[in-house]
Amino acid sequence: MRSLTLAPLAAACLSLFVPSLTLAQSAAAPAKPAQPASSPESLDKVVVTGNPLRTTLAQPSDSLSGDELITTRGATLGDTLQGLAGVSATSFGPNASRPTIRGLDGDRVRILNNSGASVDASNLSFDHGVAIDPLVIDKVEVLRGAAALLYGGNAVGGVVNTLDNRIPRTFIQGLSGAAEVRLGGASREKGGALVLDGGGGQRNAGWGWHADLAGRDAGDQRTPRFDSPTDDGSESRTTVRNSASHNHSGSLGGSVFFQGGFAGLSVDDYRNTYGTTVEEDAKIRMKRQRVATAGEWATEDGPLRRISWQLSRNRYEHSEIEDGAVGTTFKSTGTDGRVELLHAPLGAVKGLVGLQWETLDFSALGEEAFVPSTKTRNTGVFLLEQVELGGLQLSAGARREQVRVNSAGDDGDDSGRFGPAQQRRFHPTSFALSGLYPLQDGWSLSANLNRTQRAPAYYELYANGLHLATAAYERGDATLGLERSRGADLGLKWEGRDSHAHINVYETRFSNFIALQANGQTVDNDGQELPVYVFQGVPAKLRGLELEGRWQLSPLLALLGQFDMVRGENTATGEPLPRLAPRRAMLGLEARQGEWSGKLEWRGAARQDRVAQFDTPTAGYGTVRLSLARQLKLGGTDALWYLRLDNLGNKLAYNATAVPTIRELSPQVGRSAQTGLQVRF
């Protein structure tokens, strides 16, 4: 492995797992090291991303942490999460896979890091990876359904929030940490990380620090034998071409603790070099540097009970390299700030007001730059109030934003494609109402209603050029208006001691869904006719169902089950919306005996034949996964050994949510084995 920007990392460096430190933890609470799980963890997981009031969340949500995160995380955030109900992945090869929630992707799914924006170019193009390394996160929280009230209109599909301890939020004495190595898998991975946390002083007058290092090397992904398209027809392969990768990251952070709160600062650096798969000799060299600060102050008296804040500055750049030369360079510089003020209860009503602001400066220079340089400015204010009436928990809120999107036009570009400089202004407004009502014997009923508006993204307004990743000429529309939607979600939940069952049904109607659709025209690209796709507003509808449950059959054995489906269409034409996941199901058994635990899962997907124009159906499949883990004691420290066996039947499977240009080039992983050892101290 290469050396890290912040510090050297040896090839045998170890990977991270530390105790989850969520935003819900008090700054004065002592940290506790992770302990071996003698019984399943609480089934009604605490998810704090969607509710800064820190009460039970009515919105459908899920989370991954602890041993479950360690044994399921993949090389990308999308691969790590796509086993959750309602969550799939864009899967542009094994190195660029962004989460898709309830059929929505791109700028409709908000990717956060510690509740702050993660600036990258993954929403612009499917071949651009998310600049977050799953190896160095403690917990991932997922909100399914609109979260625009708290995080803006581009969270209409949902939110993915990755949490780590880079800014210490909990005071600890002395030194703690974790380390892990992981080897194998379909890409013959060699990876790992090391994390350290420490502190001193006293709880109300102390300090804490954090450091982590991580790295990963992977070869071309192995698959079952398949016919890979080539310029001359096809060739039989058992690997995904040009899919090797190398990434490394590191961070330093620290906090001071005082009566009622903390304040901290962190810096981190992430670098990734990977093959694009769709082009045989092209690579992407990515880097992101981030400086962040966060803090909180709380009191039990006065009209203002809590102030929390965060601010981050991100610099992102990636270069697309062909035959050793840089072809196109994408750069983004962004600032994200957020302040929340919790007021004293007004009778039975408690709530908060918040302010959020974001800036994003984007540029692309080179022959494949299909979007001009742009500047986006977004300021939003929001209000969230909650009251409990006879057991019924009601929440209501509103958000108002001001968005400016500026295009530099042809400045610095002699192609004449982008026209003169121009500016668009938008004022999105969103409302949300939710209710949670507990029934008898562990049952509860929830409902969510929302009205959401989203400002068009810079590429939806101003794109005009050849986009090789989608094998199309993409054209924006600078006259686009707000994307408007109304949604409803109903949920029924049962929570037992070691068992649970959740069901959610939802529908979202868009009066102006900004879709990328073919207009029937073509352009010539070196003798190849490529379709022209135009961003345009259309009426659309999405509706779906999610089921998830766990039944404890005996003290040693539990039955697992999951099912989800989503159906979406352009209501003006009846044409299906693109890249929707098929009906999916999971059946599994989970066993636990002493220090041993294991899980056997069958995951299946139905044939997806409801596809958009110019797409092709995707065959159904079923794959089997087995994982084993054992808690250990090594020199007085806790450790976890794990083994994961994927696709035991070596079944050839394709992902329907991937764009057509990559789907046939990159099947899902073949039969493979991955093992690792984690030490916690």
Foldseek 3Di string as FASTA:
>chain_A
DAQAPVGGDDLQWFFFEFADDAPPDAQLDADDTDDFDPADDFPQDQDCLQPVVRDRDQFDKDKDADPRQVQQDDFAPQSSPCVDWQWHWQCLDRAAIDIDGQNHDQLQEAEEESNWHQDDCCSVFRLTHRQDGSRAFGMKMKGAAASCQVPHQSPRGIYIYTYHCQAPRYDYAAKWWKTKWKAKDQFRKTKHKIKMKHWDDHSAWIKIKIKMKIKMWGHFGFAFWAWFQDPVGTDIDGTQAFFTKIKMKMKIKMWTHHVAKIKMKMKMKIWMKGGSSLDRFKIKTKIKIKIKMWMKGADPDDFWGMKIKMKMWMWIKMFIDGPRHTAKMKIKIKMKMKMKTWTDDPVQKTWIKMKIKMKMWIDMDHDQPQAHTKIKIKIKIKIKMWGADPQKIKIKMKMKMKMKMWGCFCVVPPPNFQPHIDMDIAIKMKIKMKMKHDDPQQKIKIKIKMKTKHDDDRCQQGGAAQDVSQQATEGHHVPDHIWIKIKMKIKMKGGDPRKIKIKMKMKMKIQWDFAWAFPPAWDDDPNDTHTYTYTGTAIKMKIKMKIWIKADPDSFKIKTKIWMAMWMARVVVRQTGAQGFAIKMKIKMWGDDVQKIKMKMKIKGDWDQRHGPPAHIFHIDIFIKMKMKGWDADPNWIKMKMKIWTRQVSDWGFRRNHRRSSGSSHTDHGTMMMIMMMTID
